[in-house]
N, C-alpha and C. Protein backbone atom coordinates (compact mmCIF):
# COMPACT_ATOMS: atom_id res chain seq x y z
N UNK A 1 -9.69 1.30 -7.29
CA UNK A 1 -9.58 0.86 -5.92
C UNK A 1 -8.05 0.66 -5.61
N UNK A 2 -7.63 1.19 -4.54
CA UNK A 2 -6.20 1.08 -4.21
C UNK A 2 -5.88 -0.31 -3.71
N UNK A 3 -4.59 -0.67 -3.77
CA UNK A 3 -4.18 -2.00 -3.33
C UNK A 3 -4.51 -2.23 -1.91
N UNK A 4 -4.22 -1.28 -1.07
CA UNK A 4 -4.51 -1.43 0.37
C UNK A 4 -6.01 -1.64 0.62
N UNK A 5 -6.84 -0.95 -0.08
CA UNK A 5 -8.38 -1.08 0.16
C UNK A 5 -8.78 -2.46 -0.41
N UNK A 6 -8.28 -2.91 -1.49
CA UNK A 6 -8.48 -4.26 -1.96
C UNK A 6 -8.07 -5.38 -0.98
N UNK A 7 -6.92 -5.19 -0.38
CA UNK A 7 -6.35 -6.10 0.60
C UNK A 7 -7.34 -6.16 1.82
N UNK A 8 -7.90 -5.06 2.27
CA UNK A 8 -8.72 -4.99 3.36
C UNK A 8 -9.95 -5.69 3.11
N UNK A 9 -10.55 -5.60 1.84
CA UNK A 9 -11.76 -6.21 1.56
C UNK A 9 -11.50 -7.71 1.50
N UNK A 10 -10.43 -8.15 0.90
CA UNK A 10 -10.17 -9.58 0.97
C UNK A 10 -10.03 -10.11 2.38
N UNK A 11 -9.38 -9.43 3.20
CA UNK A 11 -9.09 -9.84 4.56
C UNK A 11 -10.53 -9.95 5.24
N UNK A 12 -11.45 -8.96 5.01
CA UNK A 12 -12.83 -8.97 5.61
C UNK A 12 -13.50 -10.17 5.19
N UNK A 13 -13.50 -10.51 3.84
CA UNK A 13 -14.15 -11.74 3.41
C UNK A 13 -13.60 -13.03 3.99
N UNK A 14 -12.26 -13.08 4.03
CA UNK A 14 -11.57 -14.23 4.69
C UNK A 14 -12.00 -14.35 6.17
N UNK A 15 -12.29 -13.15 6.85
CA UNK A 15 -12.68 -13.24 8.26
C UNK A 15 -14.11 -13.89 8.27
N UNK A 16 -14.89 -13.54 7.35
CA UNK A 16 -16.26 -14.15 7.24
C UNK A 16 -16.22 -15.64 7.02
N UNK A 17 -15.35 -16.06 6.15
CA UNK A 17 -15.17 -17.41 5.78
C UNK A 17 -14.77 -18.31 6.86
N UNK A 18 -14.10 -17.69 7.98
CA UNK A 18 -13.71 -18.46 9.18
C UNK A 18 -14.93 -19.00 9.84
N UNK A 19 -16.03 -18.27 9.79
CA UNK A 19 -17.34 -18.85 10.46
C UNK A 19 -17.80 -20.01 9.66
N UNK A 20 -18.05 -21.13 10.32
CA UNK A 20 -18.55 -22.33 9.72
C UNK A 20 -20.01 -22.41 10.09
N UNK A 21 -20.89 -21.94 9.20
CA UNK A 21 -22.28 -21.91 9.40
C UNK A 21 -22.89 -23.06 8.59
N UNK A 22 -23.73 -23.85 9.28
CA UNK A 22 -24.21 -25.04 8.73
C UNK A 22 -25.76 -25.20 8.82
N UNK A 23 -26.33 -25.97 8.00
CA UNK A 23 -27.75 -26.35 8.12
C UNK A 23 -27.92 -27.47 9.06
N UNK A 24 -28.86 -27.34 9.94
CA UNK A 24 -29.13 -28.54 10.86
C UNK A 24 -30.62 -28.74 11.07
N UNK A 25 -30.97 -29.89 11.61
CA UNK A 25 -32.39 -30.20 11.93
C UNK A 25 -32.56 -30.42 13.36
N UNK A 26 -33.37 -29.72 14.07
CA UNK A 26 -33.62 -29.96 15.53
C UNK A 26 -34.27 -31.31 15.60
N UNK A 27 -33.56 -32.18 16.44
CA UNK A 27 -34.12 -33.57 16.61
C UNK A 27 -34.63 -33.76 18.05
N UNK A 28 -34.26 -32.86 19.03
CA UNK A 28 -34.80 -32.99 20.39
C UNK A 28 -34.79 -31.64 21.05
N UNK A 29 -35.73 -31.29 21.81
CA UNK A 29 -35.96 -30.12 22.55
C UNK A 29 -36.33 -30.44 23.96
N UNK A 30 -35.63 -29.71 24.82
CA UNK A 30 -35.90 -29.91 26.35
C UNK A 30 -36.05 -28.50 26.96
N UNK A 31 -36.79 -28.40 28.05
CA UNK A 31 -36.69 -27.29 28.87
C UNK A 31 -35.38 -27.02 29.42
N UNK A 32 -34.96 -25.83 29.81
CA UNK A 32 -33.70 -25.50 30.30
C UNK A 32 -33.92 -24.56 31.55
N UNK A 33 -34.48 -25.15 32.55
CA UNK A 33 -34.88 -24.31 33.69
C UNK A 33 -33.66 -23.61 34.45
N UNK A 34 -32.44 -24.21 34.29
CA UNK A 34 -31.32 -23.69 35.11
C UNK A 34 -30.65 -22.49 34.28
N UNK A 35 -31.12 -22.19 33.11
CA UNK A 35 -30.67 -21.06 32.38
C UNK A 35 -31.02 -19.74 33.00
N UNK A 36 -30.20 -18.76 32.87
CA UNK A 36 -30.55 -17.39 33.40
C UNK A 36 -31.79 -16.83 32.72
N UNK A 37 -31.93 -16.93 31.48
CA UNK A 37 -33.07 -16.43 30.65
C UNK A 37 -33.81 -17.66 30.12
N UNK A 38 -35.18 -17.51 30.02
CA UNK A 38 -35.89 -18.73 29.52
C UNK A 38 -35.29 -19.23 28.17
N UNK A 39 -34.98 -20.59 28.22
CA UNK A 39 -34.25 -21.15 27.04
C UNK A 39 -34.70 -22.58 26.85
N UNK A 40 -34.21 -23.19 25.78
CA UNK A 40 -34.40 -24.64 25.55
C UNK A 40 -33.03 -25.22 25.32
N UNK A 41 -32.87 -26.47 25.68
CA UNK A 41 -31.76 -27.28 25.20
C UNK A 41 -32.12 -27.94 23.93
N UNK A 42 -31.31 -27.77 22.89
CA UNK A 42 -31.55 -28.48 21.65
C UNK A 42 -30.57 -29.47 21.23
N UNK A 43 -30.94 -30.52 20.62
CA UNK A 43 -30.01 -31.43 19.83
C UNK A 43 -30.29 -31.23 18.44
N UNK A 44 -29.19 -30.97 17.65
CA UNK A 44 -29.38 -30.52 16.26
C UNK A 44 -28.55 -31.57 15.50
N UNK A 45 -29.13 -32.12 14.42
CA UNK A 45 -28.43 -33.04 13.51
C UNK A 45 -28.02 -32.23 12.31
N UNK A 46 -26.55 -32.25 12.16
CA UNK A 46 -25.94 -31.58 11.05
C UNK A 46 -25.44 -32.47 9.87
N UNK A 47 -26.00 -33.67 9.87
CA UNK A 47 -25.69 -34.65 8.87
C UNK A 47 -24.50 -35.54 9.18
N UNK A 48 -24.06 -36.46 8.37
CA UNK A 48 -23.12 -37.45 8.53
C UNK A 48 -21.70 -36.85 8.83
N UNK A 49 -21.30 -35.84 8.14
CA UNK A 49 -20.01 -35.21 8.37
C UNK A 49 -19.75 -34.50 9.67
N UNK A 50 -20.78 -33.87 10.18
CA UNK A 50 -20.64 -33.06 11.44
C UNK A 50 -21.23 -33.80 12.62
N UNK A 51 -22.41 -34.48 12.47
CA UNK A 51 -23.09 -35.20 13.43
C UNK A 51 -23.99 -34.35 14.23
N UNK A 52 -24.30 -34.82 15.40
CA UNK A 52 -25.31 -34.17 16.35
C UNK A 52 -24.58 -33.34 17.36
N UNK A 53 -25.04 -32.16 17.47
CA UNK A 53 -24.45 -31.13 18.45
C UNK A 53 -25.54 -30.47 19.31
N UNK A 54 -25.19 -29.99 20.43
CA UNK A 54 -26.14 -29.41 21.44
C UNK A 54 -26.00 -27.76 21.39
N UNK A 55 -27.20 -27.26 21.66
CA UNK A 55 -27.22 -25.79 21.72
C UNK A 55 -28.22 -25.36 22.78
N UNK A 56 -27.90 -24.33 23.52
CA UNK A 56 -28.79 -23.66 24.46
C UNK A 56 -29.31 -22.42 23.71
N UNK A 57 -30.67 -22.23 23.62
CA UNK A 57 -31.19 -21.18 22.74
C UNK A 57 -32.36 -20.59 23.45
N UNK A 58 -32.34 -19.17 23.48
CA UNK A 58 -33.47 -18.46 24.03
C UNK A 58 -34.56 -18.28 22.99
N UNK A 59 -35.34 -19.28 22.78
CA UNK A 59 -36.45 -19.30 21.88
C UNK A 59 -37.80 -19.40 22.47
N UNK A 60 -37.87 -19.45 23.78
CA UNK A 60 -39.19 -19.72 24.48
C UNK A 60 -40.36 -18.76 24.08
N UNK A 61 -39.94 -17.54 23.82
CA UNK A 61 -40.99 -16.50 23.60
C UNK A 61 -41.69 -16.74 22.31
N UNK A 62 -40.92 -17.20 21.28
CA UNK A 62 -41.50 -17.35 19.90
C UNK A 62 -41.74 -18.82 19.42
N UNK A 63 -41.35 -19.80 20.14
CA UNK A 63 -41.45 -21.18 19.75
C UNK A 63 -41.76 -22.17 20.87
N UNK A 64 -42.74 -22.98 20.59
CA UNK A 64 -42.93 -24.12 21.49
C UNK A 64 -41.97 -25.22 21.18
N UNK A 65 -41.91 -26.14 22.11
CA UNK A 65 -41.06 -27.37 21.85
C UNK A 65 -41.48 -28.08 20.65
N UNK A 66 -42.84 -28.21 20.49
CA UNK A 66 -43.36 -28.88 19.31
C UNK A 66 -43.03 -28.23 18.04
N UNK A 67 -43.10 -26.90 18.04
CA UNK A 67 -42.68 -26.16 16.91
C UNK A 67 -41.24 -26.34 16.44
N UNK A 68 -40.39 -26.46 17.45
CA UNK A 68 -38.93 -26.55 17.15
C UNK A 68 -38.61 -27.99 16.68
N UNK A 69 -39.18 -29.00 17.10
CA UNK A 69 -38.95 -30.35 16.74
C UNK A 69 -38.87 -30.47 15.19
N UNK A 70 -37.87 -30.93 14.63
CA UNK A 70 -37.74 -31.19 13.14
C UNK A 70 -37.56 -29.86 12.36
N UNK A 71 -37.48 -28.76 13.04
CA UNK A 71 -37.23 -27.49 12.25
C UNK A 71 -35.80 -27.44 11.76
N UNK A 72 -35.74 -26.93 10.54
CA UNK A 72 -34.38 -26.71 9.89
C UNK A 72 -33.86 -25.43 10.32
N UNK A 73 -32.71 -25.28 10.75
CA UNK A 73 -32.09 -24.00 11.18
C UNK A 73 -30.67 -23.81 10.67
N UNK A 74 -30.11 -22.63 10.97
CA UNK A 74 -28.69 -22.41 10.66
C UNK A 74 -27.99 -22.20 11.97
N UNK A 75 -26.70 -22.64 12.02
CA UNK A 75 -25.94 -22.53 13.27
C UNK A 75 -24.48 -22.44 12.95
N UNK A 76 -23.70 -21.66 13.86
CA UNK A 76 -22.25 -21.55 13.73
C UNK A 76 -21.78 -22.78 14.52
N UNK A 77 -20.93 -23.66 13.82
CA UNK A 77 -20.51 -24.85 14.53
C UNK A 77 -19.05 -24.85 14.92
N UNK A 78 -18.29 -23.82 14.66
CA UNK A 78 -16.85 -23.85 14.95
C UNK A 78 -16.48 -22.79 15.97
N UNK A 79 -17.37 -22.31 16.80
CA UNK A 79 -17.00 -21.43 17.91
C UNK A 79 -16.74 -22.37 19.10
N UNK A 80 -15.97 -21.76 20.06
CA UNK A 80 -15.66 -22.59 21.33
C UNK A 80 -16.98 -22.88 21.94
N UNK A 81 -17.01 -24.17 22.62
CA UNK A 81 -18.21 -24.54 23.40
C UNK A 81 -18.43 -23.52 24.58
N UNK A 82 -19.59 -23.33 24.94
CA UNK A 82 -19.95 -22.38 25.99
C UNK A 82 -20.71 -23.13 27.16
N UNK A 83 -20.25 -23.05 28.33
CA UNK A 83 -20.78 -23.61 29.50
C UNK A 83 -21.90 -22.85 30.00
N UNK A 84 -23.01 -23.42 30.13
CA UNK A 84 -24.23 -22.66 30.68
C UNK A 84 -24.71 -23.52 31.80
N UNK A 85 -24.29 -23.23 33.09
CA UNK A 85 -24.59 -24.15 34.28
C UNK A 85 -23.94 -25.48 34.00
N UNK A 86 -24.67 -26.59 34.09
CA UNK A 86 -24.12 -27.83 33.87
C UNK A 86 -24.25 -28.30 32.49
N UNK A 87 -24.82 -27.43 31.54
CA UNK A 87 -24.96 -27.76 30.13
C UNK A 87 -23.91 -27.14 29.30
N UNK A 88 -23.37 -27.87 28.30
CA UNK A 88 -22.44 -27.34 27.39
C UNK A 88 -23.03 -27.10 25.97
N UNK A 89 -23.12 -25.90 25.57
CA UNK A 89 -23.61 -25.45 24.22
C UNK A 89 -22.51 -25.54 23.21
N UNK A 90 -22.63 -26.43 22.19
CA UNK A 90 -21.53 -26.65 21.29
C UNK A 90 -21.65 -25.81 20.03
N UNK A 91 -22.82 -25.34 19.80
CA UNK A 91 -23.05 -24.48 18.52
C UNK A 91 -23.85 -23.26 18.89
N UNK A 92 -23.75 -22.35 17.98
CA UNK A 92 -24.51 -21.13 18.18
C UNK A 92 -25.73 -21.08 17.09
N UNK A 93 -26.96 -21.28 17.65
CA UNK A 93 -28.06 -21.32 16.80
C UNK A 93 -28.31 -19.81 16.36
N UNK A 94 -28.54 -19.60 15.12
CA UNK A 94 -28.65 -18.26 14.60
C UNK A 94 -30.13 -17.78 14.41
N UNK A 95 -30.26 -16.50 14.72
CA UNK A 95 -31.65 -15.89 14.54
C UNK A 95 -31.47 -14.45 14.44
N UNK A 96 -32.65 -13.78 14.34
CA UNK A 96 -32.67 -12.22 14.13
C UNK A 96 -33.79 -11.87 15.17
N UNK A 97 -33.68 -10.56 15.70
CA UNK A 97 -34.69 -10.11 16.66
C UNK A 97 -35.96 -9.72 15.96
N UNK A 98 -37.07 -10.03 16.63
CA UNK A 98 -38.48 -9.55 16.26
C UNK A 98 -38.62 -8.15 16.87
N UNK A 99 -39.84 -7.69 16.68
CA UNK A 99 -40.11 -6.34 17.26
C UNK A 99 -39.95 -6.19 18.75
N UNK A 100 -39.89 -7.31 19.50
CA UNK A 100 -39.81 -7.28 20.89
C UNK A 100 -38.32 -7.75 21.28
N UNK A 101 -37.45 -7.78 20.30
CA UNK A 101 -36.03 -8.15 20.57
C UNK A 101 -35.91 -9.62 20.93
N UNK A 102 -36.88 -10.45 20.55
CA UNK A 102 -36.84 -11.96 20.80
C UNK A 102 -36.44 -12.68 19.50
N UNK A 103 -35.78 -13.77 19.70
CA UNK A 103 -35.13 -14.47 18.59
C UNK A 103 -36.14 -15.14 17.61
N UNK A 104 -35.91 -14.88 16.32
CA UNK A 104 -36.66 -15.59 15.17
C UNK A 104 -35.55 -16.29 14.43
N UNK A 105 -35.69 -17.63 14.32
CA UNK A 105 -34.71 -18.49 13.74
C UNK A 105 -34.59 -18.18 12.20
N UNK A 106 -33.36 -18.40 11.77
CA UNK A 106 -32.94 -18.19 10.31
C UNK A 106 -32.99 -19.66 9.64
N UNK A 107 -33.61 -19.78 8.56
CA UNK A 107 -33.54 -21.06 7.91
C UNK A 107 -33.61 -20.92 6.38
N UNK A 108 -33.08 -21.88 5.64
CA UNK A 108 -33.24 -21.91 4.25
C UNK A 108 -34.61 -21.94 3.76
N UNK A 109 -34.95 -21.26 2.63
CA UNK A 109 -36.34 -21.26 2.11
C UNK A 109 -36.68 -22.38 1.13
N UNK A 110 -35.73 -23.24 0.98
CA UNK A 110 -35.92 -24.51 0.19
C UNK A 110 -35.22 -25.61 0.82
N UNK A 111 -35.46 -26.84 0.47
CA UNK A 111 -34.86 -28.06 0.98
C UNK A 111 -33.42 -28.07 0.68
N UNK A 112 -32.54 -28.28 1.68
CA UNK A 112 -31.12 -28.42 1.48
C UNK A 112 -30.60 -29.63 2.23
N UNK A 113 -29.42 -30.09 1.99
CA UNK A 113 -28.81 -31.22 2.70
C UNK A 113 -28.36 -30.79 4.02
N UNK A 114 -28.68 -31.56 5.11
CA UNK A 114 -28.15 -31.35 6.40
C UNK A 114 -26.66 -31.25 6.37
N UNK A 115 -26.12 -30.27 7.12
CA UNK A 115 -24.67 -30.09 7.08
C UNK A 115 -24.24 -29.15 5.95
N UNK A 116 -25.05 -28.71 5.09
CA UNK A 116 -24.60 -27.86 4.00
C UNK A 116 -24.03 -26.59 4.68
N UNK A 117 -22.95 -26.10 4.04
CA UNK A 117 -22.30 -24.80 4.65
C UNK A 117 -22.73 -23.53 3.91
N UNK A 118 -23.02 -22.59 4.67
CA UNK A 118 -23.42 -21.24 4.09
C UNK A 118 -22.15 -20.60 3.53
N UNK A 119 -22.33 -20.03 2.28
CA UNK A 119 -21.31 -19.34 1.68
C UNK A 119 -21.77 -18.06 1.06
């Protein structure tokens, strides 16, 4: 591997490391009727070091409010806040598209500490 190629790979990994992706637990779910697309307002607990953050998420097609309450999720916590109408989304809740291009949440497959960072 040439030096330039190695430097590029290090730079790419460092770029990934800039994203602060953490484990959180959904503690509150509300309808979000003012959103352009059907969405929920979420309050997510990321543990004592990060605290509780808000997120607007387009999850209505695959999740009821009851299904989301107490669900463990992953979210990017260090992107700029995004204003959606009168609501400010502080974190980006992460998911992948299903066969209909609707969000399926990403979660750890074992119990982990709230606020744990993805690496």
